[in-house]
PDB file of N, CA and C in Angstrom:
ATOM      1  N   ALA A   1       0.878  -1.178  -0.022  1.00  0.00           N
ATOM      2  CA  ALA A   1      -0.146   0.053   0.099  1.00  0.00           C
ATOM      3  C   ALA A   1       0.956   1.221  -0.148  1.00  0.00           C
ATOM      4  N   ASP A   2       1.965   1.190   1.024  1.00  0.00           N
ATOM      5  CA  ASP A   2       2.871   2.405   0.858  1.00  0.00           C
ATOM      6  C   ASP A   2       3.371   2.400  -0.585  1.00  0.00           C
ATOM      7  N   ARG A   3       3.599   1.425  -1.364  1.00  0.00           N
ATOM      8  CA  ARG A   3       4.201   1.315  -2.535  1.00  0.00           C
ATOM      9  C   ARG A   3       3.269   2.223  -3.592  1.00  0.00           C
ATOM     10  N   GLY A   4       2.077   1.826  -3.746  1.00  0.00           N
ATOM     11  CA  GLY A   4       0.856   2.470  -4.276  1.00  0.00           C
ATOM     12  C   GLY A   4       0.795   3.649  -4.118  1.00  0.00           C
ATOM     13  N   VAL A   5       0.829   4.328  -2.884  1.00  0.00           N
ATOM     14  CA  VAL A   5       0.686   5.781  -2.443  1.00  0.00           C
ATOM     15  C   VAL A   5       2.132   6.495  -3.107  1.00  0.00           C
ATOM     16  N   ALA A   6       2.787   5.850  -2.814  1.00  0.00           N
ATOM     17  CA  ALA A   6       4.310   6.587  -3.412  1.00  0.00           C
ATOM     18  C   ALA A   6       4.186   6.760  -4.902  1.00  0.00           C
ATOM     19  N   LEU A   7       3.741   5.688  -5.576  1.00  0.00           N
ATOM     20  CA  LEU A   7       3.573   5.808  -7.056  1.00  0.00           C
ATOM     21  C   LEU A   7       2.466   6.834  -7.583  1.00  0.00           C
ATOM     22  N   ILE A   8       1.421   7.004  -6.794  1.00  0.00           N
ATOM     23  CA  ILE A   8       0.228   7.923  -6.797  1.00  0.00           C
ATOM     24  C   ILE A   8       0.881   9.279  -6.707  1.00  0.00           C
ATOM     25  N   GLN A   9       1.515   9.664  -5.710  1.00  0.00           N
ATOM     26  CA  GLN A   9       2.776  10.849  -5.585  1.00  0.00           C
ATOM     27  C   GLN A   9       3.731  11.150  -6.683  1.00  0.00           C
ATOM     28  N   GLU A  10       4.033  10.371  -7.153  1.00  0.00           N
ATOM     29  CA  GLU A  10       5.197  10.482  -8.092  1.00  0.00           C
ATOM     30  C   GLU A  10       4.396  10.930  -9.485  1.00  0.00           C
ATOM     31  N   THR A  11       3.125  10.045  -9.568  1.00  0.00           N
ATOM     32  CA  THR A  11       2.577  10.217 -10.890  1.00  0.00           C
ATOM     33  C   THR A  11       2.128  11.783 -10.663  1.00  0.00           C
ATOM     34  N   GLU A  12       1.466  12.198  -9.468  1.00  0.00           N
ATOM     35  CA  GLU A  12       0.861  13.341  -9.661  1.00  0.00           C
ATOM     36  C   GLU A  12       1.925  14.416  -9.711  1.00  0.00           C
ATOM     37  N   GLN A  13       3.113  14.225  -9.153  1.00  0.00           N
ATOM     38  CA  GLN A  13       4.347  15.246  -9.224  1.00  0.00           C
ATOM     39  C   GLN A  13       4.579  15.309 -10.753  1.00  0.00           C
ATOM     40  N   ALA A  14       4.670  14.117 -11.566  1.00  0.00           N
ATOM     41  CA  ALA A  14       5.189  13.959 -12.892  1.00  0.00           C
ATOM     42  C   ALA A  14       3.800  15.108 -13.974  1.00  0.00           C
ATOM     43  N   LEU A  15       2.538  14.600 -13.435  1.00  0.00           N
ATOM     44  CA  LEU A  15       1.592  15.161 -14.080  1.00  0.00           C
ATOM     45  C   LEU A  15       1.810  16.845 -13.854  1.00  0.00           C
ATOM     46  N   SER A  16       2.219  17.158 -12.555  1.00  0.00           N
ATOM     47  CA  SER A  16       2.079  18.738 -12.095  1.00  0.00           C
ATOM     48  C   SER A  16       3.158  19.383 -13.150  1.00  0.00           C
ATOM     49  N   GLU A  17       4.460  18.868 -13.261  1.00  0.00           N
ATOM     50  CA  GLU A  17       5.223  19.244 -13.920  1.00  0.00           C
ATOM     51  C   GLU A  17       4.976  19.029 -15.288  1.00  0.00           C
ATOM     52  N   ILE A  18       4.362  18.307 -15.828  1.00  0.00           N
ATOM     53  CA  ILE A  18       3.736  18.535 -17.423  1.00  0.00           C
ATOM     54  C   ILE A  18       2.782  19.445 -17.717  1.00  0.00           C
ATOM     55  N   VAL A  19       1.851  19.683 -16.762  1.00  0.00           N
ATOM     56  CA  VAL A  19       0.817  20.597 -16.803  1.00  0.00           C
ATOM     57  C   VAL A  19       1.620  21.968 -16.737  1.00  0.00           C
ATOM     58  N   SER A  20       2.632  22.363 -15.959  1.00  0.00           N
ATOM     59  CA  SER A  20       3.505  23.543 -15.910  1.00  0.00           C
ATOM     60  C   SER A  20       4.204  23.608 -17.088  1.00  0.00           C
ATOM     61  N   ALA A  21       4.871  22.539 -17.770  1.00  0.00           N
ATOM     62  CA  ALA A  21       5.555  22.922 -19.194  1.00  0.00           C
ATOM     63  C   ALA A  21       4.557  23.029 -20.189  1.00  0.00           C
ATOM     64  N   VAL A  22       3.493  22.377 -20.345  1.00  0.00           N
ATOM     65  CA  VAL A  22       2.649  22.525 -21.400  1.00  0.00           C
ATOM     66  C   VAL A  22       2.359  24.486 -21.258  1.00  0.00           C
ATOM     67  N   GLU A  23       1.774  24.699 -20.061  1.00  0.00           N
ATOM     68  CA  GLU A  23       1.589  26.289 -19.771  1.00  0.00           C
ATOM     69  C   GLU A  23       2.687  26.999 -20.238  1.00  0.00           C
ATOM     70  N   HIS A  24       3.775  26.823 -20.168  1.00  0.00           N
ATOM     71  CA  HIS A  24       4.899  27.266 -20.531  1.00  0.00           C
ATOM     72  C   HIS A  24       5.065  27.369 -21.876  1.00  0.00           C
ATOM     73  N   THR A  25       4.837  26.248 -22.435  1.00  0.00           N
ATOM     74  CA  THR A  25       4.872  26.123 -24.181  1.00  0.00           C
ATOM     75  C   THR A  25       3.646  27.099 -24.730  1.00  0.00           C
ATOM     76  N   ASP A  26       2.594  26.612 -23.887  1.00  0.00           N
ATOM     77  CA  ASP A  26       1.787  27.622 -24.323  1.00  0.00           C
ATOM     78  C   ASP A  26       1.910  29.461 -24.723  1.00  0.00           C
ATOM     79  N   GLN A  27       2.775  29.804 -23.370  1.00  0.00           N
ATOM     80  CA  GLN A  27       2.745  30.993 -23.218  1.00  0.00           C
ATOM     81  C   GLN A  27       3.921  31.466 -24.543  1.00  0.00           C
ATOM     82  N   ASP A  28       4.976  30.555 -24.551  1.00  0.00           N
ATOM     83  CA  ASP A  28       5.768  30.722 -25.726  1.00  0.00           C
ATOM     84  C   ASP A  28       5.450  30.864 -27.157  1.00  0.00           C
ATOM     85  N   VAL A  29       4.087  29.928 -27.251  1.00  0.00           N
ATOM     86  CA  VAL A  29       3.698  29.754 -28.717  1.00  0.00           C
ATOM     87  C   VAL A  29       2.755  31.140 -28.945  1.00  0.00           C
ATOM     88  N   ARG A  30       2.022  31.846 -27.678  1.00  0.00           N
ATOM     89  CA  ARG A  30       1.590  32.807 -27.836  1.00  0.00           C
ATOM     90  C   ARG A  30       2.425  34.117 -28.216  1.00  0.00           C
ATOM     91  N   ALA A  31       3.519  34.026 -27.425  1.00  0.00           N
ATOM     92  CA  ALA A  31       4.403  35.056 -27.715  1.00  0.00           C
ATOM     93  C   ALA A  31       4.926  34.938 -29.155  1.00  0.00           C
ATOM     94  N   ILE A  32       5.217  33.836 -29.584  1.00  0.00           N
ATOM     95  CA  ILE A  32       5.822  33.623 -31.034  1.00  0.00           C
ATOM     96  C   ILE A  32       4.632  34.149 -31.982  1.00  0.00           C
ATOM     97  N   SER A  33       3.562  33.851 -31.906  1.00  0.00           N
ATOM     98  CA  SER A  33       2.243  34.183 -32.523  1.00  0.00           C
ATOM     99  C   SER A  33       2.416  35.763 -32.521  1.00  0.00           C
ATOM    100  N   ALA A  34       2.096  36.119 -31.507  1.00  0.00           N
ATOM    101  CA  ALA A  34       2.407  37.899 -31.825  1.00  0.00           C
ATOM    102  C   ALA A  34       3.429  38.129 -32.347  1.00  0.00           C
ATOM    103  N   ALA A  35       4.703  37.597 -32.173  1.00  0.00           N
ATOM    104  CA  ALA A  35       5.715  38.391 -32.975  1.00  0.00           C
ATOM    105  C   ALA A  35       5.420  37.980 -34.500  1.00  0.00           C
ATOM    106  N   VAL A  36       5.074  36.966 -34.777  1.00  0.00           N
ATOM    107  CA  VAL A  36       4.748  36.576 -36.251  1.00  0.00           C
ATOM    108  C   VAL A  36       3.647  37.543 -36.904  1.00  0.00           C
ATOM    109  N   THR A  37       2.681  37.672 -35.951  1.00  0.00           N
ATOM    110  CA  THR A  37       1.599  38.852 -36.380  1.00  0.00           C
ATOM    111  C   THR A  37       2.502  40.358 -36.629  1.00  0.00           C
ATOM    112  N   GLY A  38       3.118  40.716 -36.104  1.00  0.00           N
ATOM    113  CA  GLY A  38       4.051  41.985 -35.882  1.00  0.00           C
ATOM    114  C   GLY A  38       4.876  41.976 -36.945  1.00  0.00           C
ATOM    115  N   LEU A  39       5.390  40.889 -37.272  1.00  0.00           N
ATOM    116  CA  LEU A  39       6.066  40.616 -38.593  1.00  0.00           C
ATOM    117  C   LEU A  39       5.468  40.771 -39.699  1.00  0.00           C
ATOM    118  N   LEU A  40       4.320  39.993 -39.762  1.00  0.00           N
ATOM    119  CA  LEU A  40       3.438  40.318 -40.959  1.00  0.00           C
ATOM    120  C   LEU A  40       2.885  41.664 -41.112  1.00  0.00           C
ATOM    121  N   ASP A  41       2.614  42.480 -40.064  1.00  0.00           N
ATOM    122  CA  ASP A  41       2.230  43.797 -40.212  1.00  0.00           C
ATOM    123  C   ASP A  41       3.311  44.615 -40.822  1.00  0.00           C
ATOM    124  N   GLY A  42       4.561  44.419 -40.569  1.00  0.00           N
ATOM    125  CA  GLY A  42       5.483  44.924 -40.935  1.00  0.00           C
ATOM    126  C   GLY A  42       6.043  44.766 -42.552  1.00  0.00           C
ATOM    127  N   LEU A  43       5.768  43.443 -42.551  1.00  0.00           N
ATOM    128  CA  LEU A  43       5.785  43.331 -43.906  1.00  0.00           C
ATOM    129  C   LEU A  43       4.760  43.947 -44.977  1.00  0.00           C
ATOM    130  N   ASN A  44       3.628  43.801 -44.454  1.00  0.00           N
ATOM    131  CA  ASN A  44       2.499  44.357 -45.306  1.00  0.00           C
ATOM    132  C   ASN A  44       2.635  46.174 -45.689  1.00  0.00           C
ATOM    133  N   ALA A  45       3.329  46.573 -44.308  1.00  0.00           N
ATOM    134  CA  ALA A  45       3.671  48.059 -44.468  1.00  0.00           C
ATOM    135  C   ALA A  45       4.666  48.290 -45.502  1.00  0.00           C
ATOM    136  N   ILE A  46       5.591  47.343 -45.590  1.00  0.00           N
ATOM    137  CA  ILE A  46       6.734  47.515 -46.461  1.00  0.00           C
ATOM    138  C   ILE A  46       6.345  47.157 -47.989  1.00  0.00           C
ATOM    139  N   ALA A  47       5.331  46.409 -48.043  1.00  0.00           N
ATOM    140  CA  ALA A  47       4.823  45.940 -49.493  1.00  0.00           C
ATOM    141  C   ALA A  47       3.869  47.285 -49.872  1.00  0.00           C
ATOM    142  N   SER A  48       3.431  47.876 -49.100  1.00  0.00           N
ATOM    143  CA  SER A  48       2.252  49.114 -49.395  1.00  0.00           C
ATOM    144  C   SER A  48       3.549  50.048 -49.815  1.00  0.00           C
ATOM    145  N   ARG A  49       4.564  50.321 -48.958  1.00  0.00           N
ATOM    146  CA  ARG A  49       5.485  51.446 -49.495  1.00  0.00           C
ATOM    147  C   ARG A  49       6.144  51.221 -50.701  1.00  0.00           C
ATOM    148  N   MET A  50       5.966  50.062 -50.938  1.00  0.00           N
ATOM    149  CA  MET A  50       7.231  49.809 -52.256  1.00  0.00           C
ATOM    150  C   MET A  50       5.985  49.643 -53.498  1.00  0.00           C
ATOM    151  N   ASP A  51       5.033  49.621 -53.224  1.00  0.00           N
ATOM    152  CA  ASP A  51       3.888  49.927 -54.123  1.00  0.00           C
ATOM    153  C   ASP A  51       3.692  51.366 -54.513  1.00  0.00           C
ATOM    154  N   SER A  52       3.461  52.192 -53.347  1.00  0.00           N
ATOM    155  CA  SER A  52       3.811  53.386 -53.465  1.00  0.00           C
ATOM    156  C   SER A  52       5.001  54.080 -54.367  1.00  0.00           C
ATOM    157  N   ILE A  53       5.980  53.638 -53.902  1.00  0.00           N
ATOM    158  CA  ILE A  53       7.776  53.622 -54.562  1.00  0.00           C
ATOM    159  C   ILE A  53       7.207  53.347 -55.992  1.00  0.00           C
ATOM    160  N   SER A  54       6.649  52.274 -56.353  1.00  0.00           N
ATOM    161  CA  SER A  54       6.701  51.711 -57.825  1.00  0.00           C
ATOM    162  C   SER A  54       5.674  52.677 -58.646  1.00  0.00           C
ATOM    163  N   ALA A  55       4.575  53.236 -57.681  1.00  0.00           N
ATOM    164  CA  ALA A  55       3.915  54.432 -58.671  1.00  0.00           C
ATOM    165  C   ALA A  55       4.651  55.398 -58.863  1.00  0.00           C
ATOM    166  N   VAL A  56       5.172  55.996 -57.942  1.00  0.00           N
ATOM    167  CA  VAL A  56       6.262  57.429 -58.252  1.00  0.00           C
ATOM    168  C   VAL A  56       7.210  57.150 -59.524  1.00  0.00           C
ATOM    169  N   ALA A  57       7.810  55.763 -59.329  1.00  0.00           N
ATOM    170  CA  ALA A  57       8.845  55.205 -60.429  1.00  0.00           C
ATOM    171  C   ALA A  57       8.064  55.282 -61.809  1.00  0.00           C
ATOM    172  N   GLU A  58       7.010  54.973 -62.110  1.00  0.00           N
ATOM    173  CA  GLU A  58       6.238  54.586 -63.086  1.00  0.00           C
ATOM    174  C   GLU A  58       5.982  56.199 -63.626  1.00  0.00           C
ATOM    175  N   GLU A  59       5.508  57.000 -62.431  1.00  0.00           N
ATOM    176  CA  GLU A  59       5.072  58.341 -62.974  1.00  0.00           C
ATOM    177  C   GLU A  59       6.311  59.168 -63.668  1.00  0.00           C
ATOM    178  N   SER A  60       7.633  59.177 -62.763  1.00  0.00           N
ATOM    179  CA  SER A  60       8.895  59.584 -63.058  1.00  0.00           C
ATOM    180  C   SER A  60       9.118  59.184 -64.281  1.00  0.00           C
ATOM    181  N   ALA A  61       9.305  57.991 -64.992  1.00  0.00           N
ATOM    182  CA  ALA A  61       9.429  57.448 -66.087  1.00  0.00           C
ATOM    183  C   ALA A  61       8.698  58.112 -67.110  1.00  0.00           C
ATOM    184  N   ALA A  62       7.205  58.243 -67.264  1.00  0.00           N
ATOM    185  CA  ALA A  62       6.321  58.694 -67.850  1.00  0.00           C
ATOM    186  C   ALA A  62       6.937  60.311 -67.990  1.00  0.00           C
ATOM    187  N   GLY A  63       6.968  60.899 -67.083  1.00  0.00           N
ATOM    188  CA  GLY A  63       7.620  62.179 -67.072  1.00  0.00           C
ATOM    189  C   GLY A  63       8.795  62.544 -67.869  1.00  0.00           C
ATOM    190  N   ALA A  64       9.685  61.606 -67.647  1.00  0.00           N
ATOM    191  CA  ALA A  64      11.179  61.254 -68.424  1.00  0.00           C
ATOM    192  C   ALA A  64      10.634  61.380 -70.029  1.00  0.00           C
ATOM    193  N   GLN A  65       9.815  60.586 -70.053  1.00  0.00           N
ATOM    194  CA  GLN A  65       9.569  60.107 -71.501  1.00  0.00           C
ATOM    195  C   GLN A  65       9.203  61.387 -72.567  1.00  0.00           C
ATOM    196  N   GLU A  66       7.856  61.980 -71.578  1.00  0.00           N
ATOM    197  CA  GLU A  66       7.532  63.193 -72.046  1.00  0.00           C
ATOM    198  C   GLU A  66       8.435  64.202 -72.465  1.00  0.00           C
ATOM    199  N   THR A  67       9.374  64.526 -71.103  1.00  0.00           N
ATOM    200  CA  THR A  67      10.412  65.534 -71.641  1.00  0.00           C
ATOM    201  C   THR A  67      11.287  65.228 -72.859  1.00  0.00           C
ATOM    202  N   SER A  68      11.517  63.946 -72.750  1.00  0.00           N
ATOM    203  CA  SER A  68      12.459  63.390 -73.872  1.00  0.00           C
ATOM    204  C   SER A  68      11.754  63.748 -75.217  1.00  0.00           C
ATOM    205  N   ALA A  69      10.501  63.442 -75.531  1.00  0.00           N
ATOM    206  CA  ALA A  69       9.965  63.310 -76.721  1.00  0.00           C
ATOM    207  C   ALA A  69       9.681  65.383 -76.800  1.00  0.00           C
ATOM    208  N   ALA A  70       9.637  65.968 -75.536  1.00  0.00           N
ATOM    209  CA  ALA A  70       9.273  67.516 -75.849  1.00  0.00           C
ATOM    210  C   ALA A  70      10.765  67.979 -76.781  1.00  0.00           C
ATOM    211  N   ALA A  71      11.830  67.681 -75.871  1.00  0.00           N
ATOM    212  CA  ALA A  71      13.351  67.982 -76.188  1.00  0.00           C
ATOM    213  C   ALA A  71      13.664  67.810 -77.841  1.00  0.00           C
ATOM    214  N   GLN A  72      13.190  66.484 -78.331  1.00  0.00           N
ATOM    215  CA  GLN A  72      13.376  66.057 -79.472  1.00  0.00           C
ATOM    216  C   GLN A  72      12.289  66.775 -80.301  1.00  0.00           C
ATOM    217  N   GLU A  73      11.126  67.399 -80.119  1.00  0.00           N
ATOM    218  CA  GLU A  73      10.183  68.090 -80.975  1.00  0.00           C
ATOM    219  C   GLU A  73      11.174  69.385 -81.197  1.00  0.00           C
ATOM    220  N   GLN A  74      11.606  69.996 -79.856  1.00  0.00           N
ATOM    221  CA  GLN A  74      12.704  70.879 -79.991  1.00  0.00           C
ATOM    222  C   GLN A  74      13.730  71.185 -80.889  1.00  0.00           C
ATOM    223  N   ARG A  75      14.433  69.864 -80.913  1.00  0.00           N
ATOM    224  CA  ARG A  75      15.336  69.862 -81.619  1.00  0.00           C
ATOM    225  C   ARG A  75      14.883  70.086 -83.423  1.00  0.00           C
ATOM    226  N   GLY A  76      14.154  69.472 -83.549  1.00  0.00           N
ATOM    227  CA  GLY A  76      13.423  69.546 -84.736  1.00  0.00           C
ATOM    228  C   GLY A  76      12.839  70.896 -85.278  1.00  0.00           C
ATOM    229  N   LEU A  77      12.504  71.837 -84.321  1.00  0.00           N
ATOM    230  CA  LEU A  77      11.941  73.102 -84.455  1.00  0.00           C
ATOM    231  C   LEU A  77      13.149  73.922 -84.692  1.00  0.00           C
ATOM    232  N   ILE A  78      14.241  73.947 -83.821  1.00  0.00           N
ATOM    233  CA  ILE A  78      15.656  74.415 -84.058  1.00  0.00           C
ATOM    234  C   ILE A  78      16.063  74.142 -85.479  1.00  0.00           C
ATOM    235  N   ALA A  79      16.192  72.897 -85.900  1.00  0.00           N
ATOM    236  CA  ALA A  79      16.678  72.662 -86.944  1.00  0.00           C
ATOM    237  C   ALA A  79      15.957  73.409 -88.353  1.00  0.00           C
ATOM    238  N   GLN A  80      14.557  73.356 -87.967  1.00  0.00           N
ATOM    239  CA  GLN A  80      13.558  74.417 -89.040  1.00  0.00           C
ATOM    240  C   GLN A  80      14.279  75.970 -89.115  1.00  0.00           C
ATOM    241  N   VAL A  81      14.228  76.405 -87.953  1.00  0.00           N
ATOM    242  CA  VAL A  81      14.686  77.746 -87.916  1.00  0.00           C
ATOM    243  C   VAL A  81      15.859  77.789 -88.149  1.00  0.00           C
ATOM    244  N   SER A  82      17.143  76.930 -88.253  1.00  0.00           N
ATOM    245  CA  SER A  82      18.412  76.839 -88.698  1.00  0.00           C
ATOM    246  C   SER A  82      18.285  77.023 -90.327  1.00  0.00           C
ATOM    247  N   ASP A  83      17.656  76.341 -90.722  1.00  0.00           N
ATOM    248  CA  ASP A  83      17.389  75.694 -92.256  1.00  0.00           C
ATOM    249  C   ASP A  83      17.068  77.214 -92.723  1.00  0.00           C
ATOM    250  N   GLY A  84      15.785  77.753 -92.081  1.00  0.00           N
ATOM    251  CA  GLY A  84      15.210  79.042 -92.435  1.00  0.00           C
ATOM    252  C   GLY A  84      16.061  80.065 -92.528  1.00  0.00           C
ATOM    253  N   ALA A  85      17.206  80.138 -91.327  1.00  0.00           N
ATOM    254  CA  ALA A  85      18.241  81.313 -91.195  1.00  0.00           C
ATOM    255  C   ALA A  85      19.187  81.115 -92.539  1.00  0.00           C
ATOM    256  N   VAL A  86      19.390  79.874 -92.980  1.00  0.00           N
ATOM    257  CA  VAL A  86      20.487  79.573 -93.828  1.00  0.00           C
ATOM    258  C   VAL A  86      19.858  80.219 -95.311  1.00  0.00           C
ATOM    259  N   ASP A  87      18.352  79.837 -95.418  1.00  0.00           N
ATOM    260  CA  ASP A  87      17.839  80.448 -96.550  1.00  0.00           C
ATOM    261  C   ASP A  87      17.519  81.583 -96.590  1.00  0.00           C
ATOM    262  N   LEU A  88      17.387  82.450 -95.531  1.00  0.00           N
ATOM    263  CA  LEU A  88      17.425  83.951 -95.396  1.00  0.00           C
ATOM    264  C   LEU A  88      18.787  84.420 -95.887  1.00  0.00           C
ATOM    265  N   ALA A  89      19.882  83.687 -95.149  1.00  0.00           N
ATOM    266  CA  ALA A  89      21.029  84.341 -95.316  1.00  0.00           C
ATOM    267  C   ALA A  89      21.339  84.389 -96.940  1.00  0.00           C
ATOM    268  N   SER A  90      20.783  83.140 -97.699  1.00  0.00           N
ATOM    269  CA  SER A  90      20.913  83.266 -99.267  1.00  0.00           C
ATOM    270  C   SER A  90      20.236  84.223-100.007  1.00  0.00           C
ATOM    271  N   MET A  91      18.958  84.463 -99.495  1.00  0.00           N
ATOM    272  CA  MET A  91      18.138  85.394-100.155  1.00  0.00           C
ATOM    273  C   MET A  91      19.053  86.855 -99.840  1.00  0.00           C
ATOM    274  N   ALA A  92      19.494  87.048 -98.858  1.00  0.00           N
ATOM    275  CA  ALA A  92      20.270  88.157 -98.442  1.00  0.00           C
ATOM    276  C   ALA A  92      21.256  88.485 -99.413  1.00  0.00           C
ATOM    277  N   HIS A  93      22.162  87.525 -99.341  1.00  0.00           N
ATOM    278  CA  HIS A  93      23.418  87.530-100.379  1.00  0.00           C
ATOM    279  C   HIS A  93      22.766  87.723-101.704  1.00  0.00           C
ATOM    280  N   ASP A  94      21.461  86.986-102.326  1.00  0.00           N
ATOM    281  CA  ASP A  94      21.240  87.292-103.739  1.00  0.00           C
ATOM    282  C   ASP A  94      20.951  88.702-103.682  1.00  0.00           C
ATOM    283  N   LEU A  95      20.075  89.270-102.661  1.00  0.00           N
ATOM    284  CA  LEU A  95      19.430  90.849-102.748  1.00  0.00           C
ATOM    285  C   LEU A  95      20.456  91.749-103.008  1.00  0.00           C
ATOM    286  N   HIS A  96      21.726  91.526-102.037  1.00  0.00           N
ATOM    287  CA  HIS A  96      22.668  92.072-101.847  1.00  0.00           C
ATOM    288  C   HIS A  96      23.603  92.079-103.527  1.00  0.00           C
ATOM    289  N   ASP A  97      23.498  91.052-103.933  1.00  0.00           N
ATOM    290  CA  ASP A  97      24.080  91.055-105.563  1.00  0.00           C
ATOM    291  C   ASP A  97      23.259  91.945-106.535  1.00  0.00           C
ATOM    292  N   LEU A  98      22.008  91.704-106.249  1.00  0.00           N
ATOM    293  CA  LEU A  98      21.059  92.270-107.199  1.00  0.00           C
ATOM    294  C   LEU A  98      21.319  93.982-107.132  1.00  0.00           C
ATOM    295  N   VAL A  99      21.187  94.213-105.831  1.00  0.00           N
ATOM    296  CA  VAL A  99      21.725  95.761-105.436  1.00  0.00           C
ATOM    297  C   VAL A  99      23.095  96.354-105.991  1.00  0.00           C
ATOM    298  N   ASP A 100      24.101  95.411-105.867  1.00  0.00           N
ATOM    299  CA  ASP A 100      25.353  95.971-106.689  1.00  0.00           C
ATOM    300  C   ASP A 100      25.044  95.992-108.071  1.00  0.00           C
ATOM    301  N   LEU A 101      24.379  94.873-108.625  1.00  0.00           N
ATOM    302  CA  LEU A 101      23.931  95.003-110.148  1.00  0.00           C
ATOM    303  C   LEU A 101      23.466  96.297-110.739  1.00  0.00           C
ATOM    304  N   LEU A 102      22.508  96.499-109.903  1.00  0.00           N
ATOM    305  CA  LEU A 102      21.642  97.762-110.256  1.00  0.00           C
ATOM    306  C   LEU A 102      22.248  99.026-109.917  1.00  0.00           C
ATOM    307  N   GLY A 103      23.099  99.172-108.915  1.00  0.00           N
ATOM    308  CA  GLY A 103      24.129 100.277-109.037  1.00  0.00           C
ATOM    309  C   GLY A 103      23.575 101.172-107.650  1.00  0.00           C
ATOM    310  N   THR A 104      24.132 102.280-107.567  1.00  0.00           N
ATOM    311  CA  THR A 104      23.650 103.052-106.550  1.00  0.00           C
ATOM    312  C   THR A 104      22.986 104.279-107.219  1.00  0.00           C
ATOM    313  N   GLY A 105      22.017 104.646-107.073  1.00  0.00           N
ATOM    314  CA  GLY A 105      21.285 105.779-107.489  1.00  0.00           C
ATOM    315  C   GLY A 105      20.607 106.280-106.202  1.00  0.00           C
ATOM    316  N   SER A 106      19.560 107.311-107.106  1.00  0.00           N
ATOM    317  CA  SER A 106      18.525 107.526-106.092  1.00  0.00           C
ATOM    318  C   SER A 106      17.893 106.905-105.598  1.00  0.00           C
ATOM    319  N   ALA A 107      17.021 107.056-104.561  1.00  0.00           N
ATOM    320  CA  ALA A 107      16.166 106.181-103.969  1.00  0.00           C
ATOM    321  C   ALA A 107      14.841 105.964-104.852  1.00  0.00           C
ATOM    322  N   GLU A 108      14.624 106.914-105.587  1.00  0.00           N
ATOM    323  CA  GLU A 108      13.850 106.372-106.744  1.00  0.00           C
ATOM    324  C   GLU A 108      14.164 105.519-107.794  1.00  0.00           C
ATOM    325  N   GLU A 109      15.292 105.661-107.935  1.00  0.00           N
ATOM    326  CA  GLU A 109      16.103 104.734-109.273  1.00  0.00           C
ATOM    327  C   GLU A 109      16.135 103.372-108.650  1.00  0.00           C
ATOM    328  N   ALA A 110      16.443 103.257-107.820  1.00  0.00           N
ATOM    329  CA  ALA A 110      16.614 101.883-107.014  1.00  0.00           C
ATOM    330  C   ALA A 110      15.205 101.140-106.531  1.00  0.00           C
ATOM    331  N   ARG A 111      14.650 102.093-106.661  1.00  0.00           N
ATOM    332  CA  ARG A 111      13.083 101.057-106.137  1.00  0.00           C
ATOM    333  C   ARG A 111      12.673 100.325-107.032  1.00  0.00           C
ATOM    334  N   VAL A 112      12.418  99.034-106.764  1.00  0.00           N
ATOM    335  CA  VAL A 112      11.962  97.713-107.222  1.00  0.00           C
ATOM    336  C   VAL A 112      10.256  97.700-107.375  1.00  0.00           C
ATOM    337  N   PRO A 113       9.790  97.926-108.769  1.00  0.00           N
ATOM    338  CA  PRO A 113       8.386  97.664-108.535  1.00  0.00           C
ATOM    339  C   PRO A 113       7.821  96.420-107.658  1.00  0.00           C
ATOM    340  N   ALA A 114       6.458  97.019-107.279  1.00  0.00           N
ATOM    341  CA  ALA A 114       6.052  95.844-106.173  1.00  0.00           C
ATOM    342  C   ALA A 114       5.516  94.615-107.300  1.00  0.00           C
ATOM    343  N   LEU A 115       5.659  93.499-106.931  1.00  0.00           N
ATOM    344  CA  LEU A 115       5.258  92.071-107.650  1.00  0.00           C
ATOM    345  C   LEU A 115       3.660  92.080-107.475  1.00  0.00           C
ATOM    346  N   ARG A 116       2.922  92.049-108.715  1.00  0.00           N
ATOM    347  CA  ARG A 116       1.553  91.717-108.537  1.00  0.00           C
ATOM    348  C   ARG A 116       1.114  90.440-109.239  1.00  0.00           C
ATOM    349  N   PRO A 117       0.243  89.870-108.536  1.00  0.00           N
ATOM    350  CA  PRO A 117      -0.152  88.349-108.991  1.00  0.00           C
ATOM    351  C   PRO A 117      -0.926  88.475-110.355  1.00  0.00           C
TER     352      PRO A 117
END
């Protein structure tokens, strides 16, 4: 009988230790769960910020493309103005040659009649 009482007390002690260990394990699992939830919240915040950065980068790229297109258009316009300036210089040279050919006289003599259609 004494042996049975001792076994019951040992079993009781072992079960008490098991319950205590399970309670500690439960607390650890809850702490890990809270930490994982915090990490997931942080990851979601990072993903949201990355989406925002991506949107800004896309807008920036679109702006750069528009700027490039505008610069290219301006280069074309500058080329047209340059060609026009070359044409005007050629006309001025031709006009100067005509004035030299006609000679210098009074303003009335140098007057060229207006062209009419």
